[in-house]
N, C-alpha and C. Protein backbone atom coordinates (compact mmCIF):
# COMPACT_ATOMS: atom_id res chain seq x y z
N MET A 1 339.58 116.29 25.74
CA MET A 1 339.96 116.36 26.91
C MET A 1 341.34 116.14 27.07
N ASP A 2 341.82 116.70 27.63
CA ASP A 2 343.48 116.64 27.97
C ASP A 2 343.97 115.50 29.18
N SER A 3 344.61 114.55 28.80
CA SER A 3 344.90 114.02 29.40
C SER A 3 345.30 113.70 30.73
N LEU A 4 346.34 115.03 31.27
CA LEU A 4 346.64 115.58 32.17
C LEU A 4 345.04 116.25 33.11
N ASP A 5 344.31 116.59 32.46
CA ASP A 5 343.13 116.90 33.41
C ASP A 5 342.51 116.02 34.70
N MET A 6 342.70 116.08 35.58
CA MET A 6 342.19 115.68 36.79
C MET A 6 340.59 115.45 37.07
N ARG A 7 339.80 116.78 36.35
CA ARG A 7 338.64 116.27 37.00
C ARG A 7 337.41 115.79 35.94
N PRO A 8 336.68 115.65 36.97
CA PRO A 8 335.78 114.52 36.23
C PRO A 8 334.84 114.61 35.19
N PRO A 9 334.94 114.21 34.01
CA PRO A 9 334.25 114.83 33.12
C PRO A 9 332.71 115.22 33.49
N PRO A 10 332.15 116.19 32.65
CA PRO A 10 330.82 117.10 33.43
C PRO A 10 329.73 116.42 32.86
N VAL A 11 328.94 116.64 33.65
CA VAL A 11 327.66 115.76 33.74
C VAL A 11 326.91 116.92 33.22
N ASP A 12 325.85 115.96 32.78
CA ASP A 12 324.69 117.05 31.51
C ASP A 12 323.44 117.19 32.73
N SER A 13 323.44 116.28 33.47
CA SER A 13 322.11 115.97 34.50
C SER A 13 321.88 117.26 35.01
N PRO A 14 320.42 117.81 35.08
CA PRO A 14 320.23 118.93 35.66
C PRO A 14 320.42 119.20 37.47
N ALA A 15 320.65 118.21 37.62
CA ALA A 15 320.75 117.87 39.38
C ALA A 15 321.55 118.10 39.71
N ALA A 16 322.78 118.16 39.10
CA ALA A 16 324.62 117.94 39.64
C ALA A 16 324.73 119.76 39.84
N PRO A 17 325.55 119.78 41.22
CA PRO A 17 325.92 120.79 41.25
C PRO A 17 326.88 121.50 40.18
N PRO A 18 326.99 123.04 40.27
CA PRO A 18 328.33 123.70 39.33
C PRO A 18 329.38 123.45 39.98
N ASP A 19 330.33 123.27 39.42
CA ASP A 19 331.84 123.24 40.25
C ASP A 19 332.18 123.81 41.10
N ASP A 20 331.83 124.91 41.37
CA ASP A 20 332.22 125.97 42.35
C ASP A 20 331.57 125.51 43.53
N GLU A 21 330.97 124.36 43.75
CA GLU A 21 329.79 124.76 44.66
C GLU A 21 330.01 122.97 45.49
N ILE A 22 330.99 122.07 44.47
CA ILE A 22 331.58 120.95 44.89
C ILE A 22 332.49 120.88 45.69
N PHE A 23 333.67 121.85 45.79
CA PHE A 23 334.56 121.95 46.71
C PHE A 23 334.52 122.86 47.54
N THR A 24 333.61 123.54 48.26
CA THR A 24 333.21 124.37 49.18
C THR A 24 332.99 124.09 50.27
N PRO A 25 334.07 124.20 51.10
CA PRO A 25 334.03 123.87 52.46
C PRO A 25 332.88 124.37 53.26
N ALA A 26 331.94 123.28 54.14
CA ALA A 26 331.24 123.59 55.04
C ALA A 26 331.69 124.62 56.09
N PRO A 27 330.61 125.66 56.30
CA PRO A 27 331.12 126.62 57.77
C PRO A 27 331.47 125.72 59.02
N PRO A 28 332.79 126.04 59.28
CA PRO A 28 332.89 125.52 60.54
C PRO A 28 331.90 125.45 61.67
N ALA A 29 331.38 124.35 62.56
CA ALA A 29 330.48 124.08 63.20
C ALA A 29 331.14 124.78 64.83
N ARG A 30 330.05 125.10 65.56
CA ARG A 30 330.53 125.34 66.88
C ARG A 30 331.53 124.79 67.54
N TRP A 31 332.79 125.09 67.70
CA TRP A 31 333.88 124.71 68.45
C TRP A 31 333.97 124.09 69.33
N ALA A 32 333.99 123.11 69.95
CA ALA A 32 333.90 121.97 71.18
C ALA A 32 335.14 122.19 71.76
N SER A 33 334.44 122.28 73.02
CA SER A 33 335.23 122.83 74.25
C SER A 33 336.23 121.71 74.50
N PRO A 34 337.40 121.70 75.39
CA PRO A 34 338.09 120.48 75.52
C PRO A 34 336.91 119.80 76.44
N PRO A 35 336.68 118.31 76.88
CA PRO A 35 336.39 117.95 78.43
C PRO A 35 336.79 118.23 79.23
N ALA A 36 336.06 118.32 80.09
CA ALA A 36 336.49 118.40 81.56
C ALA A 36 337.40 117.57 82.32
N PRO A 37 338.55 117.85 83.00
CA PRO A 37 339.21 117.18 83.78
C PRO A 37 338.33 116.27 84.96
N PRO A 38 338.79 115.65 85.01
CA PRO A 38 337.76 114.15 85.95
C PRO A 38 338.15 115.08 87.45
N SER A 39 336.96 114.70 87.45
CA SER A 39 336.92 115.57 89.45
C SER A 39 337.57 114.37 90.26
N ARG A 40 338.34 115.03 91.40
CA ARG A 40 338.88 114.40 92.09
C ARG A 40 338.00 113.78 93.19
N PRO A 41 337.95 112.83 93.81
CA PRO A 41 337.17 112.32 95.35
C PRO A 41 337.89 113.95 96.16
N HIS A 42 336.90 113.88 97.25
CA HIS A 42 336.38 115.16 97.77
C HIS A 42 338.41 114.59 99.10
N GLY A 43 339.02 115.63 99.13
CA GLY A 43 340.15 115.45 99.93
C GLY A 43 341.33 115.79 99.47
N ARG A 44 341.39 115.34 97.92
CA ARG A 44 342.47 115.08 97.71
C ARG A 44 342.62 116.27 96.56
N ASP A 45 343.31 117.21 96.80
CA ASP A 45 342.68 118.31 96.18
C ASP A 45 344.56 118.30 96.27
N GLY A 46 344.54 118.53 94.66
CA GLY A 46 346.27 118.74 94.52
C GLY A 46 346.60 120.18 94.56
N ARG A 47 345.96 120.84 94.70
CA ARG A 47 346.44 122.34 95.30
C ARG A 47 346.95 122.76 96.33
N LEU A 48 346.99 121.70 97.52
CA LEU A 48 347.51 122.03 98.68
C LEU A 48 348.70 121.10 98.66
N VAL A 49 349.06 120.29 97.79
CA VAL A 49 350.29 119.39 97.71
C VAL A 49 351.62 119.91 97.90
N GLY A 50 351.71 121.51 97.10
CA GLY A 50 352.79 122.41 96.94
C GLY A 50 353.26 123.29 98.43
N PRO A 51 352.28 123.76 98.73
CA PRO A 51 352.26 124.43 99.84
C PRO A 51 352.37 124.02 101.24
N LEU A 52 351.82 122.87 101.14
CA LEU A 52 352.13 121.37 102.27
C LEU A 52 353.64 120.81 102.48
N ILE A 53 354.03 120.78 101.23
CA ILE A 53 355.72 120.34 101.27
C ILE A 53 356.68 121.26 101.48
N LEU A 54 355.92 122.56 101.25
CA LEU A 54 357.07 124.01 101.72
C LEU A 54 356.98 123.67 103.25
N ILE A 55 355.97 123.63 103.80
CA ILE A 55 355.98 124.01 105.15
C ILE A 55 356.96 121.92 105.71
N ALA A 56 356.34 121.17 105.09
CA ALA A 56 357.38 120.05 105.83
C ALA A 56 358.87 120.14 105.59
N LEU A 57 359.41 120.68 104.72
CA LEU A 57 360.47 121.02 104.16
C LEU A 57 360.98 122.38 105.36
N GLY A 58 360.43 123.50 105.43
CA GLY A 58 360.89 124.42 106.48
C GLY A 58 360.74 124.06 107.97
N LEU A 59 359.44 123.29 108.31
CA LEU A 59 359.91 123.13 109.60
C LEU A 59 361.12 122.59 110.20
N PRO A 60 361.31 121.52 109.30
CA PRO A 60 362.98 120.94 109.93
C PRO A 60 363.96 121.81 109.74
N PHE A 61 364.46 122.25 108.66
CA PHE A 61 365.47 123.51 108.52
C PHE A 61 365.26 124.53 109.29
N LEU A 62 363.94 124.71 109.57
CA LEU A 62 363.76 125.84 111.01
C LEU A 62 363.80 125.25 112.88
N ALA A 63 363.93 124.44 112.51
CA ALA A 63 364.17 123.37 113.80
C ALA A 63 365.77 123.62 113.76
N ASP A 64 366.58 123.29 112.75
CA ASP A 64 367.81 122.68 112.74
C ASP A 64 368.62 123.92 112.91
N ASN A 65 368.04 125.16 112.59
CA ASN A 65 368.52 126.44 112.94
C ASN A 65 368.29 126.69 114.50
N LEU A 66 367.21 126.42 114.97
CA LEU A 66 366.66 126.71 116.34
C LEU A 66 367.96 125.69 117.02
N TRP A 67 367.72 124.69 117.02
CA TRP A 67 368.60 123.50 117.92
C TRP A 67 369.41 122.76 117.06
N ASP A 68 370.41 121.96 117.41
CA ASP A 68 371.43 121.29 116.88
C ASP A 68 370.86 119.82 116.43
N TYR A 69 370.15 119.43 115.45
CA TYR A 69 369.67 118.21 115.30
C TYR A 69 370.48 117.56 114.40
N GLY A 70 371.18 117.99 113.52
CA GLY A 70 372.18 117.34 112.38
C GLY A 70 371.18 117.30 111.18
N GLY A 71 372.10 116.94 110.20
CA GLY A 71 371.31 116.30 108.78
C GLY A 71 369.94 115.13 108.91
N SER A 72 369.86 115.07 109.49
CA SER A 72 368.62 113.74 110.01
C SER A 72 367.20 114.67 109.75
N LEU A 73 367.02 115.63 110.09
CA LEU A 73 366.16 116.50 109.95
C LEU A 73 365.52 116.94 108.59
N LEU A 74 366.76 116.79 107.88
CA LEU A 74 366.31 116.92 106.20
C LEU A 74 366.05 115.59 105.41
N PHE A 75 366.58 114.47 105.99
CA PHE A 75 366.14 113.50 105.44
C PHE A 75 364.99 113.02 106.06
N LEU A 76 364.43 113.65 107.66
CA LEU A 76 363.14 113.01 107.92
C LEU A 76 361.59 114.35 107.29
N GLY A 77 362.13 115.48 107.22
CA GLY A 77 361.53 116.05 106.41
C GLY A 77 361.21 116.17 105.23
N LEU A 78 362.11 115.67 104.16
CA LEU A 78 361.72 115.51 103.00
C LEU A 78 361.06 113.89 102.67
N GLY A 79 361.36 113.05 103.73
CA GLY A 79 360.50 111.71 104.01
C GLY A 79 359.05 112.04 104.06
N SER A 80 358.74 113.07 104.86
CA SER A 80 357.55 113.66 105.53
C SER A 80 356.78 114.61 104.48
N ALA A 81 357.79 115.17 103.84
CA ALA A 81 357.06 115.86 102.61
C ALA A 81 356.61 115.45 101.52
N PHE A 82 357.03 114.25 101.42
CA PHE A 82 356.36 112.66 100.44
C PHE A 82 355.38 112.47 100.51
N LEU A 83 355.92 112.16 102.11
CA LEU A 83 354.40 111.07 102.40
C LEU A 83 353.16 112.54 102.38
N VAL A 84 352.85 113.42 102.58
CA VAL A 84 352.41 114.34 102.97
C VAL A 84 351.47 114.34 101.48
N ALA A 85 352.40 114.43 100.25
CA ALA A 85 352.17 114.09 98.85
C ALA A 85 351.40 113.17 98.83
N ARG A 86 351.50 111.95 98.58
CA ARG A 86 351.27 110.60 98.74
C ARG A 86 349.95 111.10 99.61
N VAL A 87 349.50 111.32 100.19
CA VAL A 87 348.59 111.42 101.38
C VAL A 87 347.53 112.66 100.60
N LEU A 88 348.08 113.52 100.30
CA LEU A 88 346.97 114.21 99.50
C LEU A 88 346.79 114.27 97.81
N SER A 89 348.08 113.53 97.52
CA SER A 89 347.31 113.56 95.68
C SER A 89 346.85 112.44 95.53
N GLY A 90 347.15 111.39 96.05
CA GLY A 90 346.78 109.80 96.08
C GLY A 90 347.64 109.03 95.01
N ARG A 91 348.69 109.72 94.80
CA ARG A 91 349.45 109.01 93.55
C ARG A 91 350.48 108.03 94.04
N TYR A 92 350.63 107.19 93.84
CA TYR A 92 351.49 106.00 94.15
C TYR A 92 353.10 106.45 94.00
N GLY A 93 353.37 107.21 93.56
CA GLY A 93 354.97 107.06 92.93
C GLY A 93 355.24 108.20 94.28
N PHE A 94 354.70 109.00 94.79
CA PHE A 94 355.22 109.95 95.97
C PHE A 94 355.02 108.67 97.39
N ALA A 95 355.02 107.26 97.46
CA ALA A 95 354.90 107.29 98.29
C ALA A 95 356.47 105.81 98.78
N VAL A 96 357.45 105.73 97.10
CA VAL A 96 358.39 105.37 97.27
C VAL A 96 360.12 106.28 98.09
N PRO A 97 359.40 107.72 97.87
CA PRO A 97 360.91 108.27 98.02
C PRO A 97 360.50 108.63 99.53
N ALA A 98 358.89 108.60 100.06
CA ALA A 98 358.74 108.87 101.22
C ALA A 98 359.34 107.62 102.28
N GLY A 99 358.89 106.41 102.09
CA GLY A 99 359.48 105.25 102.89
C GLY A 99 361.12 105.07 102.96
N ILE A 100 361.79 105.59 101.76
CA ILE A 100 363.40 105.33 101.67
C ILE A 100 363.70 106.21 102.57
N LEU A 101 363.12 107.67 102.34
CA LEU A 101 363.77 108.90 102.94
C LEU A 101 363.34 108.80 104.80
N LEU A 102 362.12 108.21 104.80
CA LEU A 102 362.08 108.42 106.53
C LEU A 102 362.85 106.89 106.95
N GLY A 103 363.16 106.04 106.32
CA GLY A 103 364.13 105.13 106.99
C GLY A 103 365.64 105.58 106.95
N PHE A 104 366.16 106.37 106.10
CA PHE A 104 367.12 106.46 105.97
C PHE A 104 367.15 107.35 107.05
N GLY A 105 366.31 108.53 107.27
CA GLY A 105 366.91 109.56 108.04
C GLY A 105 366.52 109.13 109.29
N ALA A 106 365.60 107.93 109.80
CA ALA A 106 366.14 107.27 111.10
C ALA A 106 367.19 106.64 111.29
N PHE A 107 368.11 106.29 110.06
CA PHE A 107 369.31 105.86 110.14
C PHE A 107 370.21 106.53 110.94
N VAL A 108 369.96 107.81 110.08
CA VAL A 108 371.02 108.94 110.44
C VAL A 108 370.85 109.78 111.40
N ALA A 109 369.72 109.83 111.74
CA ALA A 109 369.00 109.97 113.39
C ALA A 109 369.63 109.72 114.55
N LEU A 110 369.35 108.13 114.51
CA LEU A 110 369.78 107.13 115.62
C LEU A 110 371.63 107.45 115.36
N VAL A 111 372.33 107.77 113.90
CA VAL A 111 373.54 107.69 114.38
C VAL A 111 374.40 109.16 115.06
N GLU A 112 373.18 110.02 114.66
CA GLU A 112 373.70 111.70 115.26
C GLU A 112 373.18 111.36 116.83
N GLY A 113 372.57 111.15 116.76
CA GLY A 113 371.93 110.46 118.22
C GLY A 113 372.86 110.12 119.27
N GLY A 114 373.65 109.49 118.95
CA GLY A 114 374.21 108.67 119.87
C GLY A 114 374.04 107.26 120.21
N VAL A 115 372.48 107.17 119.93
CA VAL A 115 372.37 105.46 119.79
C VAL A 115 373.07 104.04 119.41
N LEU A 116 373.55 104.67 118.14
CA LEU A 116 374.24 103.64 117.27
C LEU A 116 375.34 104.28 116.95
N ALA A 117 376.52 103.24 117.50
CA ALA A 117 378.11 103.75 117.46
C ALA A 117 378.28 103.71 116.40
N GLU A 118 379.42 104.08 115.54
CA GLU A 118 379.69 104.33 113.92
C GLU A 118 380.68 103.17 113.53
N ASP A 119 380.07 102.14 113.71
CA ASP A 119 380.93 100.43 113.56
C ASP A 119 380.53 99.66 112.51
N ILE A 120 381.21 98.68 112.67
CA ILE A 120 380.07 97.60 111.69
C ILE A 120 378.65 97.53 112.29
N GLY A 121 378.37 97.73 113.30
CA GLY A 121 377.39 97.43 113.55
C GLY A 121 376.03 98.43 113.25
N ALA A 122 376.64 99.53 112.93
CA ALA A 122 376.06 100.80 112.42
C ALA A 122 375.51 100.78 111.23
N TRP A 123 376.47 99.85 110.47
CA TRP A 123 376.35 99.43 109.15
C TRP A 123 375.19 98.04 108.86
N GLY A 124 375.42 97.16 109.92
CA GLY A 124 373.75 96.50 109.85
C GLY A 124 372.55 97.11 110.12
N TRP A 125 372.49 98.44 110.85
CA TRP A 125 371.70 99.00 111.19
C TRP A 125 370.78 99.51 110.03
N PHE A 126 371.82 99.94 109.90
CA PHE A 126 371.53 101.10 108.30
C PHE A 126 370.54 100.13 107.32
N PHE A 127 371.46 99.10 107.21
CA PHE A 127 370.47 98.31 105.76
C PHE A 127 369.33 97.84 106.58
N VAL A 128 369.19 97.28 107.81
CA VAL A 128 367.69 97.35 108.38
C VAL A 128 366.72 98.13 107.98
N LEU A 129 366.95 99.21 108.84
CA LEU A 129 366.17 100.31 108.72
C LEU A 129 365.87 101.07 107.10
N LEU A 130 367.25 100.78 106.02
CA LEU A 130 366.54 100.58 105.46
C LEU A 130 365.47 99.66 104.31
N GLY A 131 365.30 98.47 104.32
CA GLY A 131 364.91 97.51 104.17
C GLY A 131 363.00 97.90 104.82
N LEU A 132 363.55 98.15 106.16
CA LEU A 132 361.99 98.84 107.28
C LEU A 132 361.42 100.02 105.65
N GLY A 133 362.21 100.78 105.51
CA GLY A 133 361.96 101.78 104.44
C GLY A 133 360.90 101.59 103.50
N PHE A 134 361.53 100.64 102.79
CA PHE A 134 361.33 99.38 101.46
C PHE A 134 359.53 99.22 102.21
N ALA A 135 359.59 98.15 103.51
CA ALA A 135 358.68 98.08 104.05
C ALA A 135 357.41 99.37 104.14
N GLU A 136 357.57 100.07 104.64
CA GLU A 136 357.21 101.41 104.56
C GLU A 136 356.31 102.25 103.41
N VAL A 137 357.62 101.82 102.10
CA VAL A 137 356.35 102.08 100.78
C VAL A 137 355.52 101.48 100.99
N TYR A 138 355.17 99.88 101.29
CA TYR A 138 353.95 99.03 100.70
C TYR A 138 352.94 100.15 102.05
N VAL A 139 353.34 99.86 103.36
CA VAL A 139 351.87 100.41 103.94
C VAL A 139 351.75 101.81 103.32
N ILE A 140 352.42 102.78 102.95
CA ILE A 140 352.12 103.96 102.56
C ILE A 140 351.50 104.09 100.98
N GLY A 141 351.77 103.15 100.82
CA GLY A 141 351.33 103.55 99.11
C GLY A 141 350.10 102.69 99.08
N GLY A 142 349.25 102.12 99.80
CA GLY A 142 348.28 101.47 100.09
C GLY A 142 347.84 100.58 99.51
N ARG A 143 348.09 100.02 98.69
CA ARG A 143 348.03 98.95 97.10
C ARG A 143 348.26 97.43 97.82
N PRO A 144 347.32 96.92 98.35
CA PRO A 144 347.95 95.62 99.06
C PRO A 144 348.39 94.44 97.55
N ALA A 145 347.99 94.72 96.25
CA ALA A 145 348.41 93.67 95.24
C ALA A 145 349.99 94.20 94.92
N ALA A 146 350.77 95.38 95.36
CA ALA A 146 351.39 95.71 95.02
C ALA A 146 352.57 95.32 96.06
N ILE A 147 353.25 93.84 95.87
CA ILE A 147 353.74 93.60 96.87
C ILE A 147 355.66 93.35 96.48
N TRP A 148 355.73 94.87 95.59
CA TRP A 148 357.22 94.66 95.35
C TRP A 148 358.21 94.90 96.21
N PRO A 149 357.82 95.76 97.08
CA PRO A 149 358.38 96.67 97.75
C PRO A 149 359.42 95.74 99.27
N PHE A 150 358.06 94.36 98.98
CA PHE A 150 358.97 93.31 100.05
C PHE A 150 360.03 92.79 99.56
N PHE A 151 360.48 92.53 98.40
CA PHE A 151 361.66 91.92 97.71
C PHE A 151 362.96 92.83 98.33
N PRO A 152 363.09 94.15 97.87
CA PRO A 152 364.58 94.70 98.61
C PRO A 152 364.38 94.94 99.73
N ALA A 153 363.24 94.95 100.59
CA ALA A 153 362.85 95.12 102.45
C ALA A 153 363.55 93.57 103.04
N ALA A 154 363.06 92.37 102.22
CA ALA A 154 364.04 91.20 102.94
C ALA A 154 365.63 91.46 102.45
N GLY A 155 365.70 91.56 101.10
CA GLY A 155 367.51 91.30 100.94
C GLY A 155 367.77 92.33 102.10
N LEU A 156 367.39 93.32 102.24
CA LEU A 156 367.93 94.50 102.97
C LEU A 156 368.34 94.16 104.72
N VAL A 157 367.35 93.63 105.10
CA VAL A 157 367.09 93.39 106.14
C VAL A 157 367.69 92.22 106.24
N VAL A 158 367.75 91.44 105.46
CA VAL A 158 368.62 90.08 105.70
C VAL A 158 370.02 90.60 105.92
N SER A 159 370.93 91.37 104.97
CA SER A 159 372.06 91.68 104.84
C SER A 159 372.49 92.25 105.92
N GLY A 160 371.08 93.72 106.50
CA GLY A 160 371.44 93.72 107.77
C GLY A 160 371.80 92.87 108.97
N LEU A 161 370.83 91.81 109.69
CA LEU A 161 370.93 91.03 110.73
C LEU A 161 372.28 90.75 109.97
N LEU A 162 372.78 90.03 108.78
CA LEU A 162 374.26 89.56 108.70
C LEU A 162 375.35 90.36 109.30
N LEU A 163 375.15 91.49 108.82
CA LEU A 163 375.93 92.48 109.49
C LEU A 163 376.13 92.32 111.01
N LEU A 164 374.83 92.43 111.45
CA LEU A 164 374.89 92.40 112.89
C LEU A 164 374.90 91.48 113.47
N GLY A 165 374.67 89.91 112.90
CA GLY A 165 375.36 89.45 113.71
C GLY A 165 376.30 88.43 113.33
N GLN A 166 377.30 89.00 112.41
CA GLN A 166 378.65 88.53 111.88
C GLN A 166 379.81 87.64 112.95
N GLU A 167 379.68 88.15 114.16
CA GLU A 167 380.30 87.58 115.29
C GLU A 167 379.77 86.48 116.09
N ARG A 168 378.86 86.48 115.98
CA ARG A 168 377.91 85.16 116.35
C ARG A 168 377.70 83.95 115.28
N LEU A 169 378.50 84.34 113.73
CA LEU A 169 378.17 83.75 112.91
C LEU A 169 379.43 82.64 112.49
N SER A 170 380.63 83.35 113.23
CA SER A 170 381.95 82.76 112.83
C SER A 170 381.79 81.09 113.09
N HIS A 171 381.33 80.49 113.87
CA HIS A 171 381.06 79.14 114.05
C HIS A 171 380.40 78.75 112.51
N PHE A 172 380.10 79.50 111.75
CA PHE A 172 379.22 79.00 110.08
C PHE A 172 380.71 78.69 109.32
N THR A 173 381.66 79.49 109.76
CA THR A 173 382.91 79.39 108.46
C THR A 173 383.37 78.21 107.57
N ARG A 174 383.27 77.14 107.96
CA ARG A 174 383.40 75.83 107.86
C ARG A 174 382.66 75.35 106.84
N PHE A 175 381.54 75.93 106.73
CA PHE A 175 379.96 75.95 105.43
C PHE A 175 380.66 76.71 104.69
N ALA A 176 381.78 77.61 104.42
CA ALA A 176 381.68 78.46 103.45
C ALA A 176 381.92 77.99 102.38
N ASP A 177 382.29 77.43 101.92
CA ASP A 177 382.29 76.59 100.80
C ASP A 177 381.25 76.06 100.00
N LEU A 178 380.28 76.18 100.64
CA LEU A 178 379.00 75.39 100.03
C LEU A 178 378.01 76.86 99.58
N GLY A 179 378.66 77.72 99.86
CA GLY A 179 377.94 78.82 98.94
C GLY A 179 378.58 78.74 97.84
N ARG A 180 379.28 78.55 96.81
CA ARG A 180 379.27 78.78 95.53
C ARG A 180 378.43 77.16 95.16
N TYR A 181 377.89 76.34 95.57
CA TYR A 181 376.45 75.41 95.56
C TYR A 181 375.42 76.62 95.15
N TRP A 182 375.41 77.89 95.61
CA TRP A 182 373.71 78.73 95.35
C TRP A 182 373.08 78.54 94.13
N PRO A 183 373.20 78.39 93.04
CA PRO A 183 372.16 78.00 91.96
C PRO A 183 371.51 77.06 91.75
N LEU A 184 372.20 76.21 92.53
CA LEU A 184 371.52 74.95 92.57
C LEU A 184 370.10 75.28 93.21
N ALA A 185 369.81 76.18 94.25
CA ALA A 185 368.28 76.22 94.88
C ALA A 185 367.87 77.27 93.58
N LEU A 186 368.32 77.94 92.36
CA LEU A 186 367.85 78.73 91.13
C LEU A 186 366.72 77.37 90.64
N VAL A 187 368.17 76.28 90.59
CA VAL A 187 367.81 74.92 89.40
C VAL A 187 366.25 74.29 90.49
N LEU A 188 366.53 73.81 91.85
CA LEU A 188 365.88 73.65 92.49
C LEU A 188 364.09 74.17 92.48
N GLY A 189 364.07 75.74 92.96
CA GLY A 189 363.16 76.63 92.36
C GLY A 189 362.48 76.23 91.04
N GLY A 190 363.37 75.85 90.08
CA GLY A 190 362.51 75.81 88.87
C GLY A 190 361.90 74.73 88.49
N LEU A 191 362.21 73.46 89.43
CA LEU A 191 361.62 72.34 89.21
C LEU A 191 359.98 72.13 89.70
């Protein structure tokens, strides 16, 4: 027998199948169909998301063409579209742009409506309303355990309140040198 021949040695037993039957593939079994997608709960039909987003975008643009509302309708319309998408699809990811765009749209609407003057105080309100937009993410998201939106919300609201109250805080300037010791708060927090 040749040393390069990789076939097993012949078996003289009558029970062994002939060589041509050893490597014959079995006929394919009936092809299995892919598993059915999981059913969605009633009322969360993803087929409605696209058309409702178009409606939520089209109405503000139509209103802006008929009346002069300015750019706030763009942001409020986009925020509303993401809110509709969140409610209908149940996807948490739509809550983030919904909350942020609604907060920003509220700021733009207040400035364009003349409620907020365009000065340093308006920027304070910008941060406050954007922080409230992050708080809206928590409410719109509907996940009580996901508290992460409160961290940027708190930082933005505090920054906005500091901008709004900077004139009233001028008597605290003598303590400004204490600001360089803020890392001490991290050390104390770790103890």
